[in-house]
Protein backbone atom coordinates (compact mmCIF):
# COMPACT_ATOMS: atom_id res chain seq x y z
CA MET A 1 -10.43 -35.85 17.00
CA LYS A 2 -7.83 -35.01 19.97
CA PRO A 3 -8.08 -30.82 19.55
CA LYS A 4 -5.28 -29.23 18.46
CA LEU A 5 -3.14 -26.73 18.18
CA LEU A 6 -3.22 -25.22 14.19
CA LEU A 7 0.07 -25.61 12.54
CA LEU A 8 -0.67 -22.90 9.82
CA SER A 9 0.74 -20.33 11.49
CA LEU A 10 3.87 -22.64 11.29
CA LEU A 11 3.21 -23.67 7.64
CA LEU A 12 3.18 -20.22 6.86
CA SER A 13 6.49 -19.35 8.46
CA THR A 14 8.51 -22.06 6.89
CA PHE A 15 7.25 -22.11 2.99
CA LEU A 16 8.97 -25.04 2.60
CA LEU A 17 8.95 -27.86 4.26
CA LYS A 18 11.51 -30.15 2.36
CA ALA A 19 13.78 -27.02 3.35
CA GLN A 20 12.91 -27.30 6.89
CA GLU A 21 13.63 -30.93 6.95
CA GLN A 22 17.25 -30.54 5.23
CA SER A 23 18.55 -27.50 7.32
CA ARG A 24 18.21 -25.09 10.18
CA VAL A 25 15.03 -22.90 9.16
CA ILE A 26 14.71 -20.01 11.42
CA THR A 27 10.54 -20.31 12.60
CA THR A 28 8.40 -17.90 14.51
CA ALA A 29 5.13 -17.52 15.83
CA VAL A 30 2.60 -14.34 13.82
CA PRO A 31 4.98 -15.18 10.70
CA PHE A 32 1.93 -13.10 8.97
CA LEU A 33 3.75 -9.79 10.46
CA THR A 34 6.26 -10.44 7.69
CA ILE A 35 4.66 -10.25 4.51
CA ALA A 36 4.69 -7.49 2.43
CA ALA A 37 1.15 -6.10 3.15
CA ASP A 38 1.07 -3.41 0.47
CA ALA A 39 0.96 -3.36 -3.44
CA ARG A 40 3.35 -0.86 -3.71
CA SER A 41 6.29 -2.62 -1.52
CA GLY A 42 5.33 -5.97 -3.04
CA GLY A 43 5.92 -4.19 -6.46
CA MET A 44 9.75 -3.71 -5.55
CA GLY A 45 10.72 -7.33 -3.69
CA GLU A 46 9.04 -6.32 -0.83
CA LEU A 47 10.86 -3.63 0.05
CA GLY A 48 10.26 -0.54 1.47
CA VAL A 49 12.96 0.67 4.76
CA THR A 50 14.23 3.35 2.51
CA THR A 51 12.10 4.01 -0.47
CA SER A 52 10.03 7.44 0.05
CA THR A 53 7.04 8.03 2.09
CA ASP A 54 3.73 6.53 1.71
CA VAL A 55 0.65 6.27 4.26
CA PHE A 56 1.84 2.24 4.76
CA SER A 57 5.34 3.22 6.06
CA GLN A 58 4.42 2.00 9.08
CA GLN A 59 5.09 -2.04 8.29
CA TRP A 60 8.59 -0.90 6.93
CA ASN A 61 9.79 2.41 8.85
CA PRO A 62 7.73 4.72 10.82
CA ALA A 63 10.33 7.26 11.13
CA LYS A 64 9.41 8.26 6.60
CA TYR A 65 6.19 9.69 8.27
CA ALA A 66 8.26 12.61 9.98
CA PHE A 67 9.06 13.54 5.75
CA ALA A 68 5.50 13.17 4.59
CA GLU A 69 4.50 15.21 1.72
CA ARG A 70 0.39 15.66 2.90
CA GLN A 71 -0.63 16.17 6.21
CA TYR A 72 -2.86 13.05 6.29
CA GLY A 73 -2.80 9.71 4.77
CA VAL A 74 -5.34 6.96 4.69
CA GLY A 75 -5.20 3.57 2.91
CA LEU A 76 -6.60 0.14 2.50
CA SER A 77 -4.72 -3.10 0.79
CA TYR A 78 -5.72 -6.76 0.48
CA THR A 79 -3.29 -9.39 -0.36
CA PRO A 80 -5.07 -12.73 -1.25
CA TYR A 81 -2.77 -15.67 -0.27
CA LEU A 82 -2.56 -19.28 -1.06
CA SER A 83 -5.06 -17.87 -3.96
CA GLN A 84 -3.96 -21.02 -6.62
CA LEU A 85 -5.15 -23.30 -4.05
CA VAL A 86 -7.99 -21.64 -1.70
CA ASN A 87 -9.97 -18.26 -1.94
CA ASP A 88 -10.71 -17.65 1.23
CA ILE A 89 -7.10 -17.05 3.15
CA ALA A 90 -5.98 -13.29 2.70
CA LEU A 91 -4.22 -10.47 4.72
CA LEU A 92 -5.93 -7.12 4.85
CA ASN A 93 -4.40 -4.04 6.06
CA ALA A 94 -5.42 -0.63 6.76
CA SER A 95 -3.34 2.56 7.65
CA PHE A 96 -3.86 6.00 8.37
CA TYR A 97 -1.17 8.83 9.65
CA ASN A 98 -1.41 12.33 10.56
CA LYS A 99 1.56 15.03 9.78
CA ILE A 100 1.85 17.05 13.16
CA ASN A 101 3.74 20.15 12.15
CA ASP A 102 6.48 20.03 9.74
CA ARG A 103 8.67 17.88 11.96
CA SER A 104 6.31 15.10 13.35
CA ALA A 105 3.52 12.92 12.71
CA TRP A 106 1.45 9.94 14.34
CA ALA A 107 -0.01 6.78 12.92
CA ALA A 108 -1.78 3.81 13.09
CA SER A 109 -2.54 0.84 11.63
CA ILE A 110 -4.56 -2.50 11.45
CA ARG A 111 -3.44 -5.84 9.92
CA TYR A 112 -5.75 -8.79 9.90
CA PHE A 113 -4.81 -12.38 8.63
CA GLY A 114 -7.71 -14.65 8.15
CA LEU A 115 -7.31 -17.82 7.57
CA GLY A 116 -10.74 -18.87 5.99
CA ASP A 117 -12.97 -21.66 7.17
CA ILE A 118 -11.58 -24.46 8.45
CA GLU A 119 -14.44 -28.04 8.54
CA PHE A 120 -13.47 -29.84 12.09
CA ILE A 121 -15.43 -33.26 12.44
CA THR A 122 -14.32 -36.65 14.80
CA GLU A 123 -14.68 -40.20 13.25
CA ASP A 124 -17.47 -40.51 15.55
CA GLU A 125 -19.31 -37.26 14.52
CA ALA A 126 -19.29 -38.34 10.96
CA GLN A 127 -20.64 -41.71 11.79
CA MET A 128 -23.17 -40.06 13.32
CA GLY A 129 -23.80 -37.97 10.74
CA ALA A 130 -23.28 -34.87 12.67
CA PRO A 131 -22.28 -31.76 11.35
CA ALA A 132 -18.72 -30.30 11.30
CA THR A 133 -17.73 -27.94 13.51
CA ILE A 134 -16.65 -24.48 11.83
CA VAL A 135 -13.93 -22.45 12.62
CA ARG A 136 -12.17 -19.21 11.42
CA PRO A 137 -8.82 -18.81 12.84
CA ASN A 138 -7.11 -15.26 12.37
CA GLU A 139 -4.49 -12.91 13.60
CA LEU A 140 -4.18 -9.54 13.78
CA ALA A 141 -1.78 -6.96 14.92
CA LEU A 142 -2.80 -2.80 15.92
CA ASP A 143 0.47 -0.52 15.46
CA ALA A 144 0.55 3.14 16.54
CA SER A 145 3.96 5.01 16.35
CA TYR A 146 5.44 8.53 16.57
CA SER A 147 8.06 10.03 14.11
CA LEU A 148 10.24 13.29 14.78
CA LYS A 149 12.89 14.63 12.86
CA LEU A 150 16.18 15.22 14.75
CA SER A 151 17.45 17.08 12.21
CA GLU A 152 16.88 18.68 8.43
CA THR A 153 17.81 15.42 6.85
CA PHE A 154 16.95 12.01 9.87
CA SER A 155 14.47 11.36 11.96
CA MET A 156 13.49 8.53 14.43
CA ALA A 157 10.53 6.65 15.59
CA VAL A 158 9.11 4.50 17.93
CA ALA A 159 5.80 2.16 17.39
CA ALA A 160 4.12 -0.28 19.80
CA ARG A 161 1.96 -3.35 18.62
CA PHE A 162 -0.42 -5.49 19.87
CA ILE A 163 -0.39 -9.21 18.88
CA ARG A 164 -3.48 -11.41 18.63
CA SER A 165 -3.36 -15.07 17.53
CA ASP A 166 -6.46 -16.85 17.20
CA LEU A 167 -5.65 -20.32 16.34
CA LYS A 168 -6.96 -23.05 18.34
CA LEU A 169 -10.19 -24.55 17.67
CA GLN A 170 -12.43 -24.48 21.40
CA ASP A 171 -14.36 -26.65 23.13
CA GLU A 172 -15.25 -28.85 26.32
CA VAL A 173 -11.69 -29.91 27.58
CA THR A 174 -8.97 -27.65 25.40
CA ASP A 175 -9.23 -23.63 26.71
CA GLY A 176 -9.55 -21.95 23.01
CA THR A 177 -8.20 -18.65 24.44
CA ALA A 178 -6.18 -16.52 21.64
CA ALA A 179 -2.84 -15.77 22.34
CA SER A 180 -1.12 -12.53 22.09
CA SER A 181 1.83 -10.66 22.79
CA PHE A 182 2.66 -6.83 22.25
CA ALA A 183 5.94 -5.58 20.30
CA VAL A 184 7.65 -1.96 20.21
CA ASP A 185 9.54 -1.42 16.59
CA ILE A 186 12.75 1.58 16.62
CA ALA A 187 13.13 2.94 13.35
CA GLY A 188 15.42 5.58 11.81
CA PHE A 189 15.40 7.21 8.21
CA TYR A 190 17.80 9.35 6.41
CA LYS A 191 16.97 11.56 3.49
CA SER A 192 19.75 14.30 2.05
CA PRO A 193 18.95 17.56 0.45
CA GLU A 194 18.53 17.26 -3.70
CA ILE A 195 22.04 16.88 -4.73
CA ALA A 196 23.04 18.40 -8.45
CA TYR A 197 25.30 16.03 -10.78
CA ASN A 198 26.19 16.76 -14.05
CA ALA A 199 23.38 14.99 -15.84
CA PHE A 200 20.70 14.87 -13.36
CA ASN A 201 19.78 15.48 -9.72
CA GLY A 202 19.74 13.15 -6.89
CA VAL A 203 18.67 12.36 -3.29
CA TRP A 204 19.79 9.58 -1.34
CA ARG A 205 18.35 7.57 1.47
CA GLY A 206 18.95 5.25 3.93
CA GLY A 207 17.30 3.95 6.96
CA PHE A 208 17.02 0.78 9.59
CA ASN A 209 14.06 -0.64 11.96
CA ILE A 210 14.57 -3.08 14.44
CA ALA A 211 11.02 -4.82 14.14
CA ASN A 212 8.63 -6.54 16.55
CA ILE A 213 10.95 -5.95 19.87
CA GLY A 214 8.42 -8.65 22.37
CA PRO A 215 7.76 -11.40 24.57
CA LYS A 216 7.28 -14.91 22.95
CA ILE A 217 3.70 -16.18 22.55
CA LYS A 218 2.29 -18.86 24.07
CA TYR A 219 -0.30 -20.87 22.64
CA ASP A 220 -1.36 -23.52 25.51
CA ASP A 221 -0.44 -23.70 29.09
CA ALA A 222 -0.36 -27.20 29.10
CA ILE A 223 2.98 -26.79 26.77
CA SER A 224 5.74 -25.33 28.27
CA ARG A 225 7.26 -23.76 25.27
CA GLU A 226 6.86 -20.45 23.66
CA SER A 227 7.26 -19.12 20.48
CA PRO A 228 9.58 -16.37 19.75
CA LEU A 229 7.85 -13.23 17.45
CA PRO A 230 9.66 -12.44 13.88
CA THR A 231 12.06 -10.10 15.57
CA ASN A 232 13.76 -8.65 12.55
CA LEU A 233 16.61 -6.30 11.72
CA LYS A 234 15.89 -4.13 8.47
CA LEU A 235 19.00 -2.38 6.96
CA GLY A 236 18.50 -0.40 3.40
CA ALA A 237 19.84 2.48 1.18
CA GLY A 238 18.66 4.14 -1.91
CA PHE A 239 18.73 6.83 -4.32
CA ASP A 240 16.66 8.95 -6.43
CA PHE A 241 18.12 9.61 -10.26
CA ILE A 242 15.94 12.92 -11.01
CA PHE A 243 16.34 13.38 -14.80
CA ASP A 244 13.98 15.96 -15.03
CA PRO A 245 10.76 17.72 -12.87
CA LEU A 246 8.51 14.64 -15.04
CA ASN A 247 11.10 11.30 -14.54
CA VAL A 248 12.47 9.75 -11.79
CA LEU A 249 13.75 6.52 -11.42
CA SER A 250 14.47 4.81 -7.84
CA VAL A 251 16.56 2.31 -6.98
CA ASN A 252 16.58 0.70 -3.42
CA THR A 253 18.10 -2.38 -1.49
CA GLU A 254 17.40 -3.65 1.65
CA PHE A 255 19.03 -6.48 3.48
CA ASN A 256 16.74 -8.39 6.27
CA LYS A 257 18.32 -10.40 9.43
CA LEU A 258 15.45 -12.31 11.67
CA LEU A 259 16.99 -11.56 15.20
CA VAL A 260 15.87 -15.07 16.61
CA PRO A 261 18.19 -18.23 17.94
CA THR A 262 18.89 -20.56 15.30
CA PRO A 263 17.93 -24.20 16.00
CA SER A 264 20.51 -26.54 16.83
CA ASP A 265 21.05 -30.38 16.75
CA SER A 266 22.46 -30.71 20.08
CA ASN A 267 22.89 -34.61 20.34
CA GLY A 268 23.36 -34.71 16.83
CA ASP A 269 20.32 -37.39 16.35
CA GLY A 270 18.60 -35.03 13.14
CA VAL A 271 16.04 -33.32 15.95
CA ILE A 272 15.99 -30.26 17.48
CA ASN A 273 15.47 -30.81 20.89
CA THR A 274 12.92 -28.80 22.78
CA GLU A 275 14.83 -28.48 25.65
CA ASP A 276 17.33 -26.65 24.00
CA ASP A 277 18.20 -22.99 24.58
CA TYR A 278 16.57 -22.26 21.23
CA TYR A 279 13.67 -22.64 22.75
CA ASN A 280 14.10 -21.33 26.56
CA GLU A 281 16.28 -18.68 25.61
CA SER A 282 14.36 -15.34 26.15
CA PHE A 283 13.61 -12.61 23.47
CA PHE A 284 16.05 -10.51 24.74
CA THR A 285 19.04 -12.36 24.98
CA GLY A 286 17.97 -14.15 22.09
CA MET A 287 18.26 -11.26 19.65
CA PHE A 288 21.61 -10.44 20.58
CA SER A 289 23.06 -14.06 20.54
CA SER A 290 21.16 -15.10 17.23
CA PHE A 291 24.47 -12.86 15.69
CA GLY A 292 26.57 -15.60 16.60
CA ASP A 293 24.79 -18.80 17.35
CA ALA A 294 24.44 -20.51 13.58
CA PRO A 295 26.32 -24.15 14.44
CA ASP A 296 28.14 -23.70 11.06
CA GLY A 297 29.54 -20.63 12.04
CA PHE A 298 29.58 -17.14 10.02
CA SER A 299 29.42 -18.77 7.05
CA GLU A 300 25.67 -19.84 8.17
CA GLU A 301 24.85 -16.14 10.06
CA LEU A 302 25.61 -14.93 6.39
CA SER A 303 22.94 -17.48 4.96
CA GLU A 304 20.23 -16.38 7.46
CA VAL A 305 20.44 -12.66 5.60
CA THR A 306 17.66 -11.84 3.03
CA TRP A 307 18.36 -9.24 0.85
CA SER A 308 16.09 -7.40 -2.08
CA LEU A 309 16.66 -5.39 -4.88
CA GLY A 310 13.76 -2.80 -6.10
CA PHE A 311 13.24 -0.49 -9.13
CA GLU A 312 10.35 2.48 -9.31
CA TYR A 313 10.03 4.50 -11.96
CA MET A 314 7.67 7.65 -11.79
CA TYR A 315 6.38 9.57 -14.70
CA ASN A 316 5.04 12.96 -13.02
CA ASP A 317 4.22 11.97 -9.68
CA VAL A 318 0.87 10.09 -11.63
CA PHE A 319 2.43 6.90 -13.00
CA ALA A 320 4.57 4.76 -11.85
CA LEU A 321 6.02 1.17 -13.33
CA ARG A 322 8.36 -1.05 -10.42
CA THR A 323 9.71 -4.62 -9.97
CA GLY A 324 12.06 -5.85 -7.74
CA TYR A 325 13.77 -9.45 -6.97
CA PHE A 326 13.94 -10.80 -3.36
CA HIS A 327 16.62 -13.65 -2.24
CA GLU A 328 16.88 -16.05 0.34
CA SER A 329 19.27 -18.71 1.05
CA PRO A 330 17.83 -22.59 0.11
CA GLU A 331 19.35 -23.44 3.28
CA LYS A 332 17.16 -21.07 5.22
CA GLY A 333 13.66 -21.10 3.00
CA ALA A 334 14.77 -20.56 -0.54
CA ARG A 335 12.65 -17.82 -1.11
CA GLU A 336 13.44 -16.51 -4.81
CA PHE A 337 11.35 -14.17 -6.58
CA PHE A 338 10.40 -11.69 -8.95
CA THR A 339 7.79 -8.98 -9.10
CA LEU A 340 6.12 -6.39 -11.43
CA GLY A 341 4.27 -3.25 -10.09
CA ALA A 342 2.46 -0.21 -11.48
CA GLY A 343 0.56 2.51 -9.93
CA PHE A 344 -1.39 5.24 -11.33
CA THR A 345 -2.56 8.90 -9.21
CA PHE A 346 -5.60 10.72 -9.66
CA LYS A 347 -5.71 13.66 -7.56
CA ALA A 348 -5.67 12.65 -4.29
CA THR A 349 -6.39 8.68 -5.03
CA THR A 350 -3.59 6.50 -5.92
CA ILE A 351 -4.01 2.79 -7.09
CA ASP A 352 -1.32 0.23 -6.77
CA LEU A 353 -1.17 -3.11 -7.67
CA SER A 354 1.76 -5.55 -7.68
CA TYR A 355 2.29 -9.19 -9.05
CA LEU A 356 4.59 -12.45 -7.91
CA PHE A 357 6.43 -14.73 -9.71
CA SER A 358 9.15 -17.33 -8.04
CA THR A 359 11.87 -18.66 -9.24
CA SER A 360 12.85 -21.18 -6.59
CA ASN A 361 11.64 -24.80 -7.13
CA VAL A 362 9.69 -24.55 -4.50
CA ARG A 363 6.25 -22.34 -5.42
CA ASN A 364 5.68 -19.10 -2.66
CA PRO A 365 1.97 -18.99 -1.25
CA LEU A 366 2.23 -15.80 -3.03
CA GLU A 367 2.84 -17.33 -6.82
CA ASN A 368 0.53 -15.61 -9.90
CA THR A 369 -1.32 -13.44 -6.92
CA LEU A 370 -2.78 -9.89 -7.39
CA ARG A 371 -2.36 -7.43 -4.36
CA PHE A 372 -3.94 -4.27 -4.62
CA SER A 373 -3.87 -0.89 -2.86
CA LEU A 374 -5.81 2.15 -2.17
CA THR A 375 -3.98 5.54 -1.10
CA PHE A 376 -5.90 8.93 -0.34
CA ASN A 377 -3.52 11.49 0.59
CA LEU A 378 -5.29 14.80 1.83
CA GLY A 379 -4.47 17.83 4.27
CA ASP A 380 -2.06 20.31 3.04
CA GLU A 381 1.68 19.97 1.97
CA PHE A 382 4.64 19.85 3.26
CA TYR A 383 7.92 20.24 1.63
CA ASN A 384 11.07 18.43 3.38
């Protein structure tokens, strides 16, 4: 068997091979960075850029940490992947934050995507009765962030990220060294004071995060083509309906766009040319050109924007019920699904879980999957 670069990462980024054949689906390296790694966000349509602060804010909007209400937070999360087919593919997440003072905080996290055990054997080796080679491809991201309040209602943050993608098979001919890159996030978060309305009080929130800004990943020195990171612009808004001290309903919406060039068929033969600017454009110029490079114009640019809507009902800061909806254009991946979630807090410990069911014709890799998160909120309280 000729050693090859594993194509699992590409598969995970597209989700829909049929859609990829018929349209210009944007694909990137390390797509695991876009999977919701915690059950709370997973229960609200996989959004989180403007939800209230929790320990898992690192993935969604690290600027939220400046508004954290406890001094420390520790979180662990487990997300099975393709659980209807295999039982050893999963996304693991561990996060920690420290509120330095009333205006600033720092945080760190690790996301590990294990692709399970894969057997490789050549036809000659099989005929000789040789054992198969077991490989365990994986990807991980190490993050650190710092957030600071610029006013009583607005904060910003910067995050740095090291990314490692180990998807190659090592042998005497092929170099199996893992590919790596680094990236930064730039984020902002707005939270209004509590406002009194006629029948309820309310809090407005807004935020943005430009995530995974960094150089492309190159998997093989023998291949000149490089793969872009999933650089992503997140914009969101939210509102808390505070009916009384015990009952709060949070409504959130979020819009996402990959800041990655759209593939183009330059010669009209139905095949994406590997020499096109799509592959050769730098990550920095690609971020800006991604707003106007779709071959079908503005309508196609709009189809590249995904949106989600999420709801969270909280009773007495102890029990939470959640639901949400995520939509992606059928021409750009066709991910459409509803989510359900719940959470329970006892003293300083919170347990969250979520469930996803697809409304698209093609099954989602997280279909019928339960995600679990465990959070410990520790230390002194801060009042924002």
